[in-house]
N, C-alpha and C. Protein backbone atom coordinates (compact mmCIF):
# COMPACT_ATOMS: atom_id res chain seq x y z
N MET A 1 -18.55 -6.60 13.31
CA MET A 1 -18.17 -5.57 14.02
C MET A 1 -17.72 -4.44 13.33
N LYS A 2 -18.11 -3.19 13.78
CA LYS A 2 -17.83 -2.05 13.02
C LYS A 2 -16.68 -1.03 13.75
N LEU A 3 -15.74 -0.37 13.16
CA LEU A 3 -14.96 0.41 13.72
C LEU A 3 -15.27 2.04 13.39
N LYS A 4 -15.31 2.77 14.35
CA LYS A 4 -15.70 4.19 14.11
C LYS A 4 -14.51 5.03 14.50
N PRO A 5 -13.85 5.71 13.77
CA PRO A 5 -12.72 6.49 14.12
C PRO A 5 -13.17 7.74 14.81
N MET A 6 -12.35 8.19 15.90
CA MET A 6 -12.48 9.34 16.51
C MET A 6 -11.77 10.46 16.04
N ALA A 7 -11.98 11.79 16.47
CA ALA A 7 -11.36 12.86 16.50
C ALA A 7 -10.92 13.14 14.78
N ASP A 8 -9.61 13.25 14.65
CA ASP A 8 -9.22 13.36 13.27
C ASP A 8 -8.47 11.98 12.90
N ASN A 9 -8.97 10.92 13.24
CA ASN A 9 -8.53 9.63 12.81
C ASN A 9 -9.23 9.32 11.53
N ILE A 10 -8.59 8.38 10.52
CA ILE A 10 -9.09 7.99 9.45
C ILE A 10 -8.94 6.50 9.37
N LEU A 11 -9.97 5.66 9.13
CA LEU A 11 -9.72 4.29 8.91
C LEU A 11 -9.71 4.06 7.31
N LEU A 12 -8.50 3.19 6.97
CA LEU A 12 -8.13 2.95 5.49
C LEU A 12 -8.26 1.41 5.34
N LYS A 13 -8.53 0.97 4.17
CA LYS A 13 -8.54 -0.37 3.63
C LYS A 13 -7.33 -0.38 2.50
N GLN A 14 -6.64 -1.46 2.70
CA GLN A 14 -5.48 -1.52 1.73
C GLN A 14 -6.09 -1.94 0.21
N THR A 15 -5.59 -1.08 -0.71
CA THR A 15 -6.24 -1.45 -2.16
C THR A 15 -5.50 -2.59 -2.49
N GLU A 16 -5.96 -3.41 -3.67
CA GLU A 16 -5.29 -4.68 -4.28
C GLU A 16 -4.10 -4.35 -4.92
N ALA A 17 -2.88 -5.01 -4.83
CA ALA A 17 -1.72 -4.80 -5.34
C ALA A 17 -1.87 -5.28 -6.72
N GLU A 18 -1.00 -4.84 -7.45
CA GLU A 18 -0.97 -5.20 -8.97
C GLU A 18 -0.59 -6.61 -9.10
N GLU A 19 -1.15 -7.36 -9.92
CA GLU A 19 -0.80 -8.93 -10.23
C GLU A 19 0.33 -8.92 -11.49
N THR A 20 0.17 -8.16 -12.35
CA THR A 20 1.26 -8.10 -13.25
C THR A 20 1.91 -6.57 -13.51
N THR A 21 3.04 -6.60 -14.21
CA THR A 21 3.82 -5.40 -14.33
C THR A 21 3.13 -4.83 -15.70
N ALA A 22 3.79 -3.61 -15.97
CA ALA A 22 3.29 -2.92 -17.29
C ALA A 22 3.71 -3.80 -18.65
N SER A 23 4.67 -4.50 -18.34
CA SER A 23 5.10 -5.38 -19.47
C SER A 23 4.33 -6.70 -19.64
N GLY A 24 3.53 -6.94 -18.56
CA GLY A 24 2.66 -8.29 -18.63
C GLY A 24 3.36 -9.37 -17.81
N ILE A 25 4.43 -9.00 -16.95
CA ILE A 25 4.99 -10.27 -16.17
C ILE A 25 4.21 -10.43 -14.85
N ILE A 26 3.77 -11.47 -14.68
CA ILE A 26 3.06 -11.99 -13.59
C ILE A 26 4.07 -11.91 -12.35
N LEU A 27 3.48 -10.96 -11.29
CA LEU A 27 4.20 -11.25 -10.24
C LEU A 27 3.64 -12.22 -8.94
N ALA A 28 4.81 -12.74 -8.36
CA ALA A 28 4.40 -13.77 -7.38
C ALA A 28 3.91 -13.15 -5.98
N ALA A 29 3.28 -13.71 -5.27
CA ALA A 29 2.75 -13.11 -4.13
C ALA A 29 3.81 -12.59 -2.97
N THR A 30 4.99 -13.18 -3.01
CA THR A 30 6.08 -12.75 -2.22
C THR A 30 7.00 -11.65 -2.67
N THR A 31 6.54 -11.22 -3.92
CA THR A 31 7.18 -10.10 -4.59
C THR A 31 6.84 -8.93 -4.69
N LYS A 32 5.43 -9.12 -4.45
CA LYS A 32 4.44 -7.78 -4.57
C LYS A 32 4.75 -7.07 -3.25
N GLU A 33 4.67 -5.68 -3.51
CA GLU A 33 4.97 -4.35 -2.73
C GLU A 33 3.59 -4.00 -2.49
N LYS A 34 3.31 -3.66 -0.94
CA LYS A 34 2.00 -3.19 -0.58
C LYS A 34 1.90 -1.73 -1.39
N PRO A 35 1.00 -1.31 -2.12
CA PRO A 35 0.82 0.13 -2.68
C PRO A 35 0.44 0.93 -1.39
N ALA A 36 0.88 2.20 -1.56
CA ALA A 36 0.85 3.35 -0.75
C ALA A 36 -0.55 3.88 -0.90
N ILE A 37 -1.45 3.39 -1.72
CA ILE A 37 -2.86 3.99 -2.03
C ILE A 37 -3.81 3.08 -1.28
N TYR A 38 -4.61 4.08 -0.44
CA TYR A 38 -5.66 3.13 0.52
C TYR A 38 -6.97 3.80 0.23
N GLU A 39 -8.15 3.02 0.34
CA GLU A 39 -9.25 3.41 0.09
C GLU A 39 -9.94 3.94 1.82
N VAL A 40 -10.61 5.02 1.86
CA VAL A 40 -11.11 5.49 3.14
C VAL A 40 -12.29 4.89 3.27
N VAL A 41 -12.28 4.15 4.43
CA VAL A 41 -13.48 3.26 4.94
C VAL A 41 -14.40 4.30 5.72
N SER A 42 -13.88 5.21 6.70
CA SER A 42 -14.77 6.30 7.40
C SER A 42 -13.54 7.13 8.01
N ALA A 43 -14.10 8.17 8.37
CA ALA A 43 -13.28 9.36 8.95
C ALA A 43 -13.81 9.90 10.13
N GLY A 44 -13.18 10.19 11.36
CA GLY A 44 -13.55 11.06 12.40
C GLY A 44 -14.39 12.12 12.12
N PRO A 45 -15.12 12.73 13.15
CA PRO A 45 -15.94 13.97 12.96
C PRO A 45 -15.12 15.32 12.71
N GLU A 46 -13.89 15.10 12.86
CA GLU A 46 -12.88 16.32 12.69
C GLU A 46 -12.55 16.51 11.42
N VAL A 47 -12.79 15.46 10.47
CA VAL A 47 -12.16 15.36 9.10
C VAL A 47 -13.15 15.69 8.31
N LYS A 48 -12.88 17.07 7.59
CA LYS A 48 -13.84 17.56 6.85
C LYS A 48 -13.48 17.54 5.18
N GLU A 49 -12.21 17.16 4.97
CA GLU A 49 -11.57 17.35 3.71
C GLU A 49 -11.76 15.87 2.98
N ILE A 50 -11.93 14.68 3.73
CA ILE A 50 -11.88 13.37 3.18
C ILE A 50 -13.14 12.70 3.63
N LYS A 51 -13.64 11.91 2.60
CA LYS A 51 -14.88 11.05 3.02
C LYS A 51 -14.80 9.53 2.57
N ALA A 52 -15.58 8.76 3.10
CA ALA A 52 -15.65 7.35 2.68
C ALA A 52 -15.70 7.25 1.09
N GLY A 53 -14.79 6.18 0.76
CA GLY A 53 -14.64 5.91 -0.68
C GLY A 53 -13.61 6.77 -1.37
N ASP A 54 -13.06 7.63 -0.94
CA ASP A 54 -12.02 8.44 -1.51
C ASP A 54 -10.76 7.57 -1.33
N LYS A 55 -9.86 7.79 -2.16
CA LYS A 55 -8.54 7.03 -2.25
C LYS A 55 -7.58 8.11 -1.81
N VAL A 56 -6.50 7.65 -1.18
CA VAL A 56 -5.51 8.59 -0.40
C VAL A 56 -4.21 7.82 -0.61
N VAL A 57 -2.82 8.66 -0.45
CA VAL A 57 -1.81 8.12 -0.21
C VAL A 57 -1.15 8.41 1.01
N VAL A 58 -0.60 7.59 1.77
CA VAL A 58 0.00 7.65 2.89
C VAL A 58 1.31 6.97 2.83
N GLY A 59 2.06 7.41 3.78
CA GLY A 59 3.38 6.76 3.90
C GLY A 59 3.40 5.27 4.30
N ASN A 60 4.24 4.52 4.01
CA ASN A 60 4.46 3.04 4.14
C ASN A 60 4.27 2.52 5.67
N TYR A 61 5.05 3.54 6.52
CA TYR A 61 5.28 3.41 7.79
C TYR A 61 4.49 4.34 8.88
N THR A 62 3.37 4.75 8.32
CA THR A 62 2.61 5.43 9.22
C THR A 62 1.34 4.69 9.58
N GLY A 63 0.85 5.25 10.74
CA GLY A 63 -0.46 4.78 11.00
C GLY A 63 -0.48 3.64 11.99
N SER A 64 -1.33 2.82 12.42
CA SER A 64 -1.51 1.81 12.93
C SER A 64 -2.40 0.71 12.46
N ASP A 65 -1.80 -0.62 12.13
CA ASP A 65 -2.33 -1.60 11.44
C ASP A 65 -3.11 -2.36 12.51
N ILE A 66 -4.46 -2.81 11.86
CA ILE A 66 -5.46 -3.83 12.81
C ILE A 66 -6.03 -4.80 11.66
N LYS A 67 -6.31 -5.82 12.09
CA LYS A 67 -6.73 -6.92 11.30
C LYS A 67 -8.31 -7.47 11.83
N LEU A 68 -9.35 -7.07 11.47
CA LEU A 68 -10.74 -7.33 11.97
C LEU A 68 -11.51 -8.09 10.87
N ASP A 69 -12.06 -9.27 11.47
CA ASP A 69 -12.76 -10.26 10.46
C ASP A 69 -12.20 -10.62 9.07
N GLY A 70 -10.71 -10.80 9.54
CA GLY A 70 -10.13 -11.20 8.09
C GLY A 70 -9.44 -10.09 7.23
N VAL A 71 -9.98 -8.80 7.45
CA VAL A 71 -9.66 -7.76 6.61
C VAL A 71 -8.53 -6.87 7.42
N ASP A 72 -7.61 -6.28 6.53
CA ASP A 72 -6.50 -5.65 7.13
C ASP A 72 -6.90 -4.05 6.99
N TYR A 73 -6.67 -3.52 7.88
CA TYR A 73 -7.16 -1.76 7.96
C TYR A 73 -5.90 -1.34 8.69
N LYS A 74 -5.90 0.00 8.44
CA LYS A 74 -4.84 0.94 8.98
C LYS A 74 -5.62 2.32 9.57
N PHE A 75 -5.30 2.78 10.42
CA PHE A 75 -5.69 3.88 11.21
C PHE A 75 -4.61 4.76 11.19
N VAL A 76 -4.93 6.02 10.60
CA VAL A 76 -3.86 7.24 10.40
C VAL A 76 -4.47 8.51 10.77
N LYS A 77 -3.71 9.55 11.13
CA LYS A 77 -4.28 10.77 11.37
C LYS A 77 -4.41 11.70 10.02
N LEU A 78 -4.97 12.77 10.14
CA LEU A 78 -5.02 13.35 9.01
C LEU A 78 -3.86 13.96 8.52
N GLU A 79 -3.06 14.36 9.33
CA GLU A 79 -1.75 15.05 9.06
C GLU A 79 -0.86 14.01 8.22
N ASP A 80 -1.34 12.63 8.30
CA ASP A 80 -0.58 11.54 7.74
C ASP A 80 -0.79 11.34 6.23
N VAL A 81 -1.93 12.14 5.96
CA VAL A 81 -2.44 11.77 4.44
C VAL A 81 -1.54 12.85 3.56
N LEU A 82 -0.91 12.11 2.66
CA LEU A 82 -0.03 12.88 1.73
C LEU A 82 -0.96 13.50 0.44
N ALA A 83 -1.85 12.83 0.25
CA ALA A 83 -2.59 13.20 -1.20
C ALA A 83 -3.81 12.50 -1.31
N THR A 84 -4.84 13.09 -2.21
CA THR A 84 -5.96 12.18 -2.58
C THR A 84 -5.65 11.91 -4.01
N VAL A 85 -6.17 10.64 -4.30
CA VAL A 85 -6.15 10.02 -5.77
C VAL A 85 -7.35 10.52 -6.57
N THR A 86 -7.06 11.10 -7.56
CA THR A 86 -8.46 11.57 -8.55
C THR A 86 -7.93 10.83 -9.86
N ASP A 87 -9.02 10.57 -10.61
CA ASP A 87 -9.08 10.10 -11.97
C ASP A 87 -8.54 11.18 -13.23
């Protein structure tokens, strides 16, 4: 099943949380915080600035969460994207 965002909506997929801290401490699954960085799966036709594969930062409490085929996704509006992530 595929999801296609409409208008200025963006479909995001959660990036993996860090397994260890910078000092090498392994984190338990319950202590891991969800990162605010998401990968763009697809964007609606009104979104010109962001494309599939980009990494973006969004607020922790924005958008609508959905689970499809065992994968967690988030729908957000373009205005909810705070920044893009570049190397």
